């Protein structure tokens, strides 16, 4: 929702609402090396 305008926003207990954008930025490591990706999807 409106929080998706925060480039490094912190997830909290805000529930998703129909018409929201959801920005997900995440990654993990293998052999110590990182991955990094972001996808933005719409709710409903």
ModelCIF file with pLDDT and N, C-alpha, C, O atoms, coordinates in Angstrom:
data_MODEL
#
_entry.id   MODEL 
#
_entity.id                         1 
_entity.type                       polymer 
_entity.pdbx_number_of_molecules   1 
#
_entity_poly.entity_id                      1 
_entity_poly.type                           'polypeptide(L)' 
_entity_poly.nstd_linkage                   no 
_entity_poly.nstd_monomer                   no 
_entity_poly.pdbx_seq_one_letter_code       
;(UNK)(UNK)(UNK)(UNK)(UNK)(UNK)(UNK)(UNK)(UNK)(UNK)(UNK)(UNK)(UNK)(UNK)(UNK)(UNK)
(UNK)(UNK)(UNK)(UNK)(UNK)(UNK)(UNK)(UNK)(UNK)(UNK)(UNK)(UNK)(UNK)(UNK)(UNK)(UNK)
(UNK)(UNK)(UNK)(UNK)(UNK)(UNK)(UNK)(UNK)(UNK)(UNK)(UNK)(UNK)
;
_entity_poly.pdbx_seq_one_letter_code_can   XXXXXXXXXXXXXXXXXXXXXXXXXXXXXXXXXXXXXXXXXXXX 
_entity_poly.pdbx_strand_id                 A 
#
loop_
_entity_poly_seq.entity_id 
_entity_poly_seq.num 
_entity_poly_seq.mon_id 
_entity_poly_seq.hetero 
1 1  UNK n 
1 2  UNK n 
1 3  UNK n 
1 4  UNK n 
1 5  UNK n 
1 6  UNK n 
1 7  UNK n 
1 8  UNK n 
1 9  UNK n 
1 10 UNK n 
1 11 UNK n 
1 12 UNK n 
1 13 UNK n 
1 14 UNK n 
1 15 UNK n 
1 16 UNK n 
1 17 UNK n 
1 18 UNK n 
1 19 UNK n 
1 20 UNK n 
1 21 UNK n 
1 22 UNK n 
1 23 UNK n 
1 24 UNK n 
1 25 UNK n 
1 26 UNK n 
1 27 UNK n 
1 28 UNK n 
1 29 UNK n 
1 30 UNK n 
1 31 UNK n 
1 32 UNK n 
1 33 UNK n 
1 34 UNK n 
1 35 UNK n 
1 36 UNK n 
1 37 UNK n 
1 38 UNK n 
1 39 UNK n 
1 40 UNK n 
1 41 UNK n 
1 42 UNK n 
1 43 UNK n 
1 44 UNK n 
#
_struct_asym.id          A 
_struct_asym.entity_id   1 
#
loop_
_ma_qa_metric.id 
_ma_qa_metric.mode 
_ma_qa_metric.name 
_ma_qa_metric.software_group_id 
_ma_qa_metric.type 
1 global pLDDT . pLDDT 
2 local  pLDDT . pLDDT 
#
_ma_qa_metric_global.metric_id      1 
_ma_qa_metric_global.metric_value   97.52 
_ma_qa_metric_global.model_id       1 
_ma_qa_metric_global.ordinal_id     1 
#
loop_
_ma_qa_metric_local.label_asym_id 
_ma_qa_metric_local.label_comp_id 
_ma_qa_metric_local.label_seq_id 
_ma_qa_metric_local.metric_id 
_ma_qa_metric_local.metric_value 
_ma_qa_metric_local.model_id 
_ma_qa_metric_local.ordinal_id 
A UNK 1  2 97.00 1 1  
A UNK 2  2 97.00 1 2  
A UNK 3  2 98.00 1 3  
A UNK 4  2 98.00 1 4  
A UNK 5  2 98.00 1 5  
A UNK 6  2 97.00 1 6  
A UNK 7  2 96.00 1 7  
A UNK 8  2 95.00 1 8  
A UNK 9  2 96.00 1 9  
A UNK 10 2 97.00 1 10 
A UNK 11 2 98.00 1 11 
A UNK 12 2 97.00 1 12 
A UNK 13 2 97.00 1 13 
A UNK 14 2 97.00 1 14 
A UNK 15 2 98.00 1 15 
A UNK 16 2 98.00 1 16 
A UNK 17 2 98.00 1 17 
A UNK 18 2 98.00 1 18 
A UNK 19 2 97.00 1 19 
A UNK 20 2 98.00 1 20 
A UNK 21 2 98.00 1 21 
A UNK 22 2 98.00 1 22 
A UNK 23 2 98.00 1 23 
A UNK 24 2 98.00 1 24 
A UNK 25 2 98.00 1 25 
A UNK 26 2 98.00 1 26 
A UNK 27 2 98.00 1 27 
A UNK 28 2 98.00 1 28 
A UNK 29 2 98.00 1 29 
A UNK 30 2 97.00 1 30 
A UNK 31 2 96.00 1 31 
A UNK 32 2 96.00 1 32 
A UNK 33 2 98.00 1 33 
A UNK 34 2 98.00 1 34 
A UNK 35 2 98.00 1 35 
A UNK 36 2 98.00 1 36 
A UNK 37 2 98.00 1 37 
A UNK 38 2 98.00 1 38 
A UNK 39 2 98.00 1 39 
A UNK 40 2 98.00 1 40 
A UNK 41 2 98.00 1 41 
A UNK 42 2 98.00 1 42 
A UNK 43 2 98.00 1 43 
A UNK 44 2 97.00 1 44 
#
loop_
_atom_site.group_PDB 
_atom_site.id 
_atom_site.type_symbol 
_atom_site.label_atom_id 
_atom_site.label_alt_id 
_atom_site.label_comp_id 
_atom_site.label_asym_id 
_atom_site.label_entity_id 
_atom_site.label_seq_id 
_atom_site.pdbx_PDB_ins_code 
_atom_site.Cartn_x 
_atom_site.Cartn_y 
_atom_site.Cartn_z 
_atom_site.occupancy 
_atom_site.B_iso_or_equiv 
_atom_site.pdbx_formal_charge 
_atom_site.auth_seq_id 
_atom_site.auth_comp_id 
_atom_site.auth_asym_id 
_atom_site.auth_atom_id 
_atom_site.pdbx_PDB_model_num 
ATOM 1   N N  . UNK A 1 1  ? 0.815  -1.205  0.000  1.00 97.00 ? 1  UNK A N  1 
ATOM 2   C CA . UNK A 1 1  ? 0.000  0.000   0.000  1.00 97.00 ? 1  UNK A CA 1 
ATOM 3   C C  . UNK A 1 1  ? 0.848  1.254   0.000  1.00 97.00 ? 1  UNK A C  1 
ATOM 4   O O  . UNK A 1 1  ? 1.834  1.337   -0.732 1.00 97.00 ? 1  UNK A O  1 
ATOM 5   N N  . UNK A 1 2  ? 0.475  2.236   0.815  1.00 97.00 ? 2  UNK A N  1 
ATOM 6   C CA . UNK A 1 2  ? 1.229  3.489   0.879  1.00 97.00 ? 2  UNK A CA 1 
ATOM 7   C C  . UNK A 1 2  ? 2.650  3.248   1.384  1.00 97.00 ? 2  UNK A C  1 
ATOM 8   O O  . UNK A 1 2  ? 3.552  4.018   1.054  1.00 97.00 ? 2  UNK A O  1 
ATOM 9   N N  . UNK A 1 3  ? 2.870  2.199   2.176  1.00 98.00 ? 3  UNK A N  1 
ATOM 10  C CA . UNK A 1 3  ? 4.218  1.902   2.674  1.00 98.00 ? 3  UNK A CA 1 
ATOM 11  C C  . UNK A 1 3  ? 5.157  1.450   1.562  1.00 98.00 ? 3  UNK A C  1 
ATOM 12  O O  . UNK A 1 3  ? 6.376  1.489   1.734  1.00 98.00 ? 3  UNK A O  1 
ATOM 13  N N  . UNK A 1 4  ? 4.621  1.029   0.443  1.00 98.00 ? 4  UNK A N  1 
ATOM 14  C CA . UNK A 1 4  ? 5.492  0.565   -0.640 1.00 98.00 ? 4  UNK A CA 1 
ATOM 15  C C  . UNK A 1 4  ? 6.303  1.706   -1.248 1.00 98.00 ? 4  UNK A C  1 
ATOM 16  O O  . UNK A 1 4  ? 7.195  1.461   -2.061 1.00 98.00 ? 4  UNK A O  1 
ATOM 17  N N  . UNK A 1 5  ? 6.009  2.948   -0.867 1.00 98.00 ? 5  UNK A N  1 
ATOM 18  C CA . UNK A 1 5  ? 6.827  4.076   -1.329 1.00 98.00 ? 5  UNK A CA 1 
ATOM 19  C C  . UNK A 1 5  ? 8.087  4.237   -0.492 1.00 98.00 ? 5  UNK A C  1 
ATOM 20  O O  . UNK A 1 5  ? 8.907  5.111   -0.773 1.00 98.00 ? 5  UNK A O  1 
ATOM 21  N N  . UNK A 1 6  ? 8.254  3.401   0.537  1.00 97.00 ? 6  UNK A N  1 
ATOM 22  C CA . UNK A 1 6  ? 9.454  3.435   1.377  1.00 97.00 ? 6  UNK A CA 1 
ATOM 23  C C  . UNK A 1 6  ? 10.459 2.440   0.820  1.00 97.00 ? 6  UNK A C  1 
ATOM 24  O O  . UNK A 1 6  ? 10.259 1.235   0.972  1.00 97.00 ? 6  UNK A O  1 
ATOM 25  N N  . UNK A 1 7  ? 11.547 2.902   0.173  1.00 96.00 ? 7  UNK A N  1 
ATOM 26  C CA . UNK A 1 7  ? 12.472 1.961   -0.482 1.00 96.00 ? 7  UNK A CA 1 
ATOM 27  C C  . UNK A 1 7  ? 13.019 0.893   0.451  1.00 96.00 ? 7  UNK A C  1 
ATOM 28  O O  . UNK A 1 7  ? 13.185 -0.255  0.039  1.00 96.00 ? 7  UNK A O  1 
ATOM 29  N N  . UNK A 1 8  ? 13.302 1.248   1.703  1.00 95.00 ? 8  UNK A N  1 
ATOM 30  C CA . UNK A 1 8  ? 13.792 0.282   2.682  1.00 95.00 ? 8  UNK A CA 1 
ATOM 31  C C  . UNK A 1 8  ? 12.840 0.197   3.874  1.00 95.00 ? 8  UNK A C  1 
ATOM 32  O O  . UNK A 1 8  ? 13.268 0.185   5.028  1.00 95.00 ? 8  UNK A O  1 
ATOM 33  N N  . UNK A 1 9  ? 11.550 0.139   3.575  1.00 96.00 ? 9  UNK A N  1 
ATOM 34  C CA . UNK A 1 9  ? 10.561 0.010   4.630  1.00 96.00 ? 9  UNK A CA 1 
ATOM 35  C C  . UNK A 1 9  ? 10.679 -1.317  5.359  1.00 96.00 ? 9  UNK A C  1 
ATOM 36  O O  . UNK A 1 9  ? 11.233 -2.284  4.836  1.00 96.00 ? 9  UNK A O  1 
ATOM 37  N N  . UNK A 1 10 ? 10.148 -1.346  6.581  1.00 97.00 ? 10 UNK A N  1 
ATOM 38  C CA . UNK A 1 10 ? 10.245 -2.530  7.434  1.00 97.00 ? 10 UNK A CA 1 
ATOM 39  C C  . UNK A 1 10 ? 8.879  -3.197  7.521  1.00 97.00 ? 10 UNK A C  1 
ATOM 40  O O  . UNK A 1 10 ? 7.889  -2.529  7.816  1.00 97.00 ? 10 UNK A O  1 
ATOM 41  N N  . UNK A 1 11 ? 8.808  -4.504  7.269  1.00 98.00 ? 11 UNK A N  1 
ATOM 42  C CA . UNK A 1 11 ? 7.511  -5.187  7.368  1.00 98.00 ? 11 UNK A CA 1 
ATOM 43  C C  . UNK A 1 11 ? 6.982  -5.176  8.796  1.00 98.00 ? 11 UNK A C  1 
ATOM 44  O O  . UNK A 1 11 ? 7.742  -5.326  9.754  1.00 98.00 ? 11 UNK A O  1 
ATOM 45  N N  . UNK A 1 12 ? 5.665  -4.995  8.927  1.00 97.00 ? 12 UNK A N  1 
ATOM 46  C CA . UNK A 1 12 ? 5.044  -5.039  10.248 1.00 97.00 ? 12 UNK A CA 1 
ATOM 47  C C  . UNK A 1 12 ? 3.724  -5.783  10.135 1.00 97.00 ? 12 UNK A C  1 
ATOM 48  O O  . UNK A 1 12 ? 3.535  -6.571  9.208  1.00 97.00 ? 12 UNK A O  1 
ATOM 49  N N  . UNK A 1 13 ? 2.810  -5.544  11.063 1.00 97.00 ? 13 UNK A N  1 
ATOM 50  C CA . UNK A 1 13 ? 1.554  -6.288  11.092 1.00 97.00 ? 13 UNK A CA 1 
ATOM 51  C C  . UNK A 1 13 ? 0.476  -5.673  10.219 1.00 97.00 ? 13 UNK A C  1 
ATOM 52  O O  . UNK A 1 13 ? -0.695 -6.030  10.344 1.00 97.00 ? 13 UNK A O  1 
ATOM 53  N N  . UNK A 1 14 ? 0.846  -4.761  9.344  1.00 97.00 ? 14 UNK A N  1 
ATOM 54  C CA . UNK A 1 14 ? -0.125 -4.182  8.415  1.00 97.00 ? 14 UNK A CA 1 
ATOM 55  C C  . UNK A 1 14 ? -0.683 -5.271  7.508  1.00 97.00 ? 14 UNK A C  1 
ATOM 56  O O  . UNK A 1 14 ? 0.091  -5.976  6.861  1.00 97.00 ? 14 UNK A O  1 
ATOM 57  N N  . UNK A 1 15 ? -2.009 -5.431  7.440  1.00 98.00 ? 15 UNK A N  1 
ATOM 58  C CA . UNK A 1 15 ? -2.580 -6.411  6.518  1.00 98.00 ? 15 UNK A CA 1 
ATOM 59  C C  . UNK A 1 15 ? -2.632 -5.870  5.092  1.00 98.00 ? 15 UNK A C  1 
ATOM 60  O O  . UNK A 1 15 ? -2.830 -4.673  4.880  1.00 98.00 ? 15 UNK A O  1 
ATOM 61  N N  . UNK A 1 16 ? -2.456 -6.741  4.141  1.00 98.00 ? 16 UNK A N  1 
ATOM 62  C CA . UNK A 1 16 ? -2.595 -6.367  2.736  1.00 98.00 ? 16 UNK A CA 1 
ATOM 63  C C  . UNK A 1 16 ? -4.063 -6.058  2.449  1.00 98.00 ? 16 UNK A C  1 
ATOM 64  O O  . UNK A 1 16 ? -4.966 -6.663  3.026  1.00 98.00 ? 16 UNK A O  1 
ATOM 65  N N  . UNK A 1 17 ? -4.281 -5.101  1.544  1.00 98.00 ? 17 UNK A N  1 
ATOM 66  C CA . UNK A 1 17 ? -5.630 -4.732  1.128  1.00 98.00 ? 17 UNK A CA 1 
ATOM 67  C C  . UNK A 1 17 ? -5.751 -4.828  -0.383 1.00 98.00 ? 17 UNK A C  1 
ATOM 68  O O  . UNK A 1 17 ? -4.767 -4.663  -1.105 1.00 98.00 ? 17 UNK A O  1 
ATOM 69  N N  . UNK A 1 18 ? -6.939 -5.090  -0.851 1.00 98.00 ? 18 UNK A N  1 
ATOM 70  C CA . UNK A 1 18 ? -7.189 -5.135  -2.284 1.00 98.00 ? 18 UNK A CA 1 
ATOM 71  C C  . UNK A 1 18 ? -6.798 -3.799  -2.899 1.00 98.00 ? 18 UNK A C  1 
ATOM 72  O O  . UNK A 1 18 ? -7.147 -2.745  -2.368 1.00 98.00 ? 18 UNK A O  1 
ATOM 73  N N  . UNK A 1 19 ? -6.082 -3.835  -4.005 1.00 97.00 ? 19 UNK A N  1 
ATOM 74  C CA . UNK A 1 19 ? -5.617 -2.627  -4.668 1.00 97.00 ? 19 UNK A CA 1 
ATOM 75  C C  . UNK A 1 19 ? -4.239 -2.176  -4.247 1.00 97.00 ? 19 UNK A C  1 
ATOM 76  O O  . UNK A 1 19 ? -3.723 -1.197  -4.787 1.00 97.00 ? 19 UNK A O  1 
ATOM 77  N N  . UNK A 1 20 ? -3.622 -2.869  -3.285 1.00 98.00 ? 20 UNK A N  1 
ATOM 78  C CA . UNK A 1 20 ? -2.256 -2.548  -2.867 1.00 98.00 ? 20 UNK A CA 1 
ATOM 79  C C  . UNK A 1 20 ? -1.233 -3.038  -3.881 1.00 98.00 ? 20 UNK A C  1 
ATOM 80  O O  . UNK A 1 20 ? -1.444 -4.042  -4.561 1.00 98.00 ? 20 UNK A O  1 
ATOM 81  N N  . UNK A 1 21 ? -0.130 -2.321  -3.971 1.00 98.00 ? 21 UNK A N  1 
ATOM 82  C CA . UNK A 1 21 ? 1.104  -2.883  -4.479 1.00 98.00 ? 21 UNK A CA 1 
ATOM 83  C C  . UNK A 1 21 ? 1.868  -3.476  -3.292 1.00 98.00 ? 21 UNK A C  1 
ATOM 84  O O  . UNK A 1 21 ? 1.856  -2.908  -2.199 1.00 98.00 ? 21 UNK A O  1 
ATOM 85  N N  . UNK A 1 22 ? 2.525  -4.608  -3.504 1.00 98.00 ? 22 UNK A N  1 
ATOM 86  C CA . UNK A 1 22 ? 3.402  -5.202  -2.504 1.00 98.00 ? 22 UNK A CA 1 
ATOM 87  C C  . UNK A 1 22 ? 4.805  -5.263  -3.099 1.00 98.00 ? 22 UNK A C  1 
ATOM 88  O O  . UNK A 1 22 ? 5.013  -5.896  -4.134 1.00 98.00 ? 22 UNK A O  1 
ATOM 89  N N  . UNK A 1 23 ? 5.765  -4.610  -2.453 1.00 98.00 ? 23 UNK A N  1 
ATOM 90  C CA . UNK A 1 23 ? 7.166  -4.641  -2.880 1.00 98.00 ? 23 UNK A CA 1 
ATOM 91  C C  . UNK A 1 23 ? 7.906  -5.612  -1.973 1.00 98.00 ? 23 UNK A C  1 
ATOM 92  O O  . UNK A 1 23 ? 7.899  -5.462  -0.752 1.00 98.00 ? 23 UNK A O  1 
ATOM 93  N N  . UNK A 1 24 ? 8.545  -6.607  -2.579 1.00 98.00 ? 24 UNK A N  1 
ATOM 94  C CA . UNK A 1 24 ? 9.298  -7.620  -1.839 1.00 98.00 ? 24 UNK A CA 1 
ATOM 95  C C  . UNK A 1 24 ? 10.741 -7.621  -2.326 1.00 98.00 ? 24 UNK A C  1 
ATOM 96  O O  . UNK A 1 24 ? 11.012 -7.900  -3.495 1.00 98.00 ? 24 UNK A O  1 
ATOM 97  N N  . UNK A 1 25 ? 11.660 -7.309  -1.425 1.00 98.00 ? 25 UNK A N  1 
ATOM 98  C CA . UNK A 1 25 ? 13.093 -7.245  -1.722 1.00 98.00 ? 25 UNK A CA 1 
ATOM 99  C C  . UNK A 1 25 ? 13.773 -8.232  -0.778 1.00 98.00 ? 25 UNK A C  1 
ATOM 100 O O  . UNK A 1 25 ? 13.662 -8.088  0.440  1.00 98.00 ? 25 UNK A O  1 
ATOM 101 N N  . UNK A 1 26 ? 14.477 -9.234  -1.315 1.00 98.00 ? 26 UNK A N  1 
ATOM 102 C CA . UNK A 1 26 ? 14.969 -10.314 -0.468 1.00 98.00 ? 26 UNK A CA 1 
ATOM 103 C C  . UNK A 1 26 ? 16.074 -11.085 -1.187 1.00 98.00 ? 26 UNK A C  1 
ATOM 104 O O  . UNK A 1 26 ? 16.310 -10.888 -2.379 1.00 98.00 ? 26 UNK A O  1 
ATOM 105 N N  . UNK A 1 27 ? 16.739 -11.954 -0.453 1.00 98.00 ? 27 UNK A N  1 
ATOM 106 C CA . UNK A 1 27 ? 17.783 -12.804 -1.017 1.00 98.00 ? 27 UNK A CA 1 
ATOM 107 C C  . UNK A 1 27 ? 18.378 -13.660 0.079  1.00 98.00 ? 27 UNK A C  1 
ATOM 108 O O  . UNK A 1 27 ? 18.119 -13.442 1.263  1.00 98.00 ? 27 UNK A O  1 
ATOM 109 N N  . UNK A 1 28 ? 19.178 -14.636 -0.320 1.00 98.00 ? 28 UNK A N  1 
ATOM 110 C CA . UNK A 1 28 ? 19.841 -15.522 0.634  1.00 98.00 ? 28 UNK A CA 1 
ATOM 111 C C  . UNK A 1 28 ? 21.261 -15.780 0.150  1.00 98.00 ? 28 UNK A C  1 
ATOM 112 O O  . UNK A 1 28 ? 21.675 -15.245 -0.878 1.00 98.00 ? 28 UNK A O  1 
ATOM 113 N N  . UNK A 1 29 ? 22.005 -16.597 0.884  1.00 98.00 ? 29 UNK A N  1 
ATOM 114 C CA . UNK A 1 29 ? 23.388 -16.877 0.504  1.00 98.00 ? 29 UNK A CA 1 
ATOM 115 C C  . UNK A 1 29 ? 23.601 -18.358 0.258  1.00 98.00 ? 29 UNK A C  1 
ATOM 116 O O  . UNK A 1 29 ? 22.928 -19.213 0.834  1.00 98.00 ? 29 UNK A O  1 
ATOM 117 N N  . UNK A 1 30 ? 24.574 -18.640 -0.629 1.00 97.00 ? 30 UNK A N  1 
ATOM 118 C CA . UNK A 1 30 ? 25.106 -19.984 -0.850 1.00 97.00 ? 30 UNK A CA 1 
ATOM 119 C C  . UNK A 1 30 ? 26.611 -19.839 -0.987 1.00 97.00 ? 30 UNK A C  1 
ATOM 120 O O  . UNK A 1 30 ? 27.097 -18.982 -1.726 1.00 97.00 ? 30 UNK A O  1 
ATOM 121 N N  . UNK A 1 31 ? 27.338 -20.672 -0.280 1.00 96.00 ? 31 UNK A N  1 
ATOM 122 C CA . UNK A 1 31 ? 28.786 -20.544 -0.289 1.00 96.00 ? 31 UNK A CA 1 
ATOM 123 C C  . UNK A 1 31 ? 29.257 -19.193 0.211  1.00 96.00 ? 31 UNK A C  1 
ATOM 124 O O  . UNK A 1 31 ? 30.373 -18.763 -0.083 1.00 96.00 ? 31 UNK A O  1 
ATOM 125 N N  . UNK A 1 32 ? 28.388 -18.518 0.980  1.00 96.00 ? 32 UNK A N  1 
ATOM 126 C CA . UNK A 1 32 ? 28.698 -17.190 1.489  1.00 96.00 ? 32 UNK A CA 1 
ATOM 127 C C  . UNK A 1 32 ? 28.305 -16.064 0.552  1.00 96.00 ? 32 UNK A C  1 
ATOM 128 O O  . UNK A 1 32 ? 28.347 -14.899 0.949  1.00 96.00 ? 32 UNK A O  1 
ATOM 129 N N  . UNK A 1 33 ? 27.922 -16.376 -0.683 1.00 98.00 ? 33 UNK A N  1 
ATOM 130 C CA . UNK A 1 33 ? 27.631 -15.347 -1.689 1.00 98.00 ? 33 UNK A CA 1 
ATOM 131 C C  . UNK A 1 33 ? 26.137 -15.058 -1.753 1.00 98.00 ? 33 UNK A C  1 
ATOM 132 O O  . UNK A 1 33 ? 25.306 -15.955 -1.613 1.00 98.00 ? 33 UNK A O  1 
ATOM 133 N N  . UNK A 1 34 ? 25.815 -13.786 -1.966 1.00 98.00 ? 34 UNK A N  1 
ATOM 134 C CA . UNK A 1 34 ? 24.446 -13.286 -1.837 1.00 98.00 ? 34 UNK A CA 1 
ATOM 135 C C  . UNK A 1 34 ? 23.666 -13.333 -3.142 1.00 98.00 ? 34 UNK A C  1 
ATOM 136 O O  . UNK A 1 34 ? 24.228 -13.261 -4.235 1.00 98.00 ? 34 UNK A O  1 
ATOM 137 N N  . UNK A 1 35 ? 22.373 -13.453 -2.990 1.00 98.00 ? 35 UNK A N  1 
ATOM 138 C CA . UNK A 1 35 ? 21.444 -13.106 -4.070 1.00 98.00 ? 35 UNK A CA 1 
ATOM 139 C C  . UNK A 1 35 ? 20.645 -11.896 -3.613 1.00 98.00 ? 35 UNK A C  1 
ATOM 140 O O  . UNK A 1 35 ? 20.584 -11.592 -2.422 1.00 98.00 ? 35 UNK A O  1 
ATOM 141 N N  . UNK A 1 36 ? 20.033 -11.211 -4.571 1.00 98.00 ? 36 UNK A N  1 
ATOM 142 C CA . UNK A 1 36 ? 19.299 -9.980  -4.280 1.00 98.00 ? 36 UNK A CA 1 
ATOM 143 C C  . UNK A 1 36 ? 18.280 -9.781  -5.383 1.00 98.00 ? 36 UNK A C  1 
ATOM 144 O O  . UNK A 1 36 ? 18.648 -9.695  -6.555 1.00 98.00 ? 36 UNK A O  1 
ATOM 145 N N  . UNK A 1 37 ? 17.019 -9.705  -5.034 1.00 98.00 ? 37 UNK A N  1 
ATOM 146 C CA . UNK A 1 37 ? 15.984 -9.486  -6.047 1.00 98.00 ? 37 UNK A CA 1 
ATOM 147 C C  . UNK A 1 37 ? 14.818 -8.721  -5.433 1.00 98.00 ? 37 UNK A C  1 
ATOM 148 O O  . UNK A 1 37 ? 14.585 -8.774  -4.225 1.00 98.00 ? 37 UNK A O  1 
ATOM 149 N N  . UNK A 1 38 ? 14.093 -8.009  -6.290 1.00 98.00 ? 38 UNK A N  1 
ATOM 150 C CA . UNK A 1 38 ? 12.869 -7.329  -5.875 1.00 98.00 ? 38 UNK A CA 1 
ATOM 151 C C  . UNK A 1 38 ? 11.788 -7.585  -6.914 1.00 98.00 ? 38 UNK A C  1 
ATOM 152 O O  . UNK A 1 38 ? 12.029 -7.504  -8.118 1.00 98.00 ? 38 UNK A O  1 
ATOM 153 N N  . UNK A 1 39 ? 10.606 -7.891  -6.430 1.00 98.00 ? 39 UNK A N  1 
ATOM 154 C CA . UNK A 1 39 ? 9.438  -7.978  -7.295 1.00 98.00 ? 39 UNK A CA 1 
ATOM 155 C C  . UNK A 1 39 ? 8.300  -7.193  -6.650 1.00 98.00 ? 39 UNK A C  1 
ATOM 156 O O  . UNK A 1 39 ? 8.144  -7.184  -5.429 1.00 98.00 ? 39 UNK A O  1 
ATOM 157 N N  . UNK A 1 40 ? 7.513  -6.536  -7.494 1.00 98.00 ? 40 UNK A N  1 
ATOM 158 C CA . UNK A 1 40 ? 6.353  -5.771  -7.073 1.00 98.00 ? 40 UNK A CA 1 
ATOM 159 C C  . UNK A 1 40 ? 5.115  -6.399  -7.692 1.00 98.00 ? 40 UNK A C  1 
ATOM 160 O O  . UNK A 1 40 ? 5.040  -6.549  -8.911 1.00 98.00 ? 40 UNK A O  1 
ATOM 161 N N  . UNK A 1 41 ? 4.148  -6.766  -6.866 1.00 98.00 ? 41 UNK A N  1 
ATOM 162 C CA . UNK A 1 41 ? 2.917  -7.388  -7.363 1.00 98.00 ? 41 UNK A CA 1 
ATOM 163 C C  . UNK A 1 41 ? 1.716  -6.640  -6.817 1.00 98.00 ? 41 UNK A C  1 
ATOM 164 O O  . UNK A 1 41 ? 1.809  -5.932  -5.814 1.00 98.00 ? 41 UNK A O  1 
ATOM 165 N N  . UNK A 1 42 ? 0.585  -6.807  -7.490 1.00 98.00 ? 42 UNK A N  1 
ATOM 166 C CA . UNK A 1 42 ? -0.654 -6.159  -7.065 1.00 98.00 ? 42 UNK A CA 1 
ATOM 167 C C  . UNK A 1 42 ? -1.537 -7.157  -6.330 1.00 98.00 ? 42 UNK A C  1 
ATOM 168 O O  . UNK A 1 42 ? -1.525 -8.352  -6.626 1.00 98.00 ? 42 UNK A O  1 
ATOM 169 N N  . UNK A 1 43 ? -2.301 -6.652  -5.372 1.00 98.00 ? 43 UNK A N  1 
ATOM 170 C CA . UNK A 1 43 ? -3.242 -7.481  -4.624 1.00 98.00 ? 43 UNK A CA 1 
ATOM 171 C C  . UNK A 1 43 ? -4.642 -7.285  -5.208 1.00 98.00 ? 43 UNK A C  1 
ATOM 172 O O  . UNK A 1 43 ? -5.208 -6.196  -5.117 1.00 98.00 ? 43 UNK A O  1 
ATOM 173 N N  . UNK A 1 44 ? -5.189 -8.327  -5.800 1.00 97.00 ? 44 UNK A N  1 
ATOM 174 C CA . UNK A 1 44 ? -6.564 -8.381  -6.329 1.00 97.00 ? 44 UNK A CA 1 
ATOM 175 C C  . UNK A 1 44 ? -6.769 -7.580  -7.613 1.00 97.00 ? 44 UNK A C  1 
ATOM 176 O O  . UNK A 1 44 ? -7.877 -7.548  -8.150 1.00 97.00 ? 44 UNK A O  1 
#
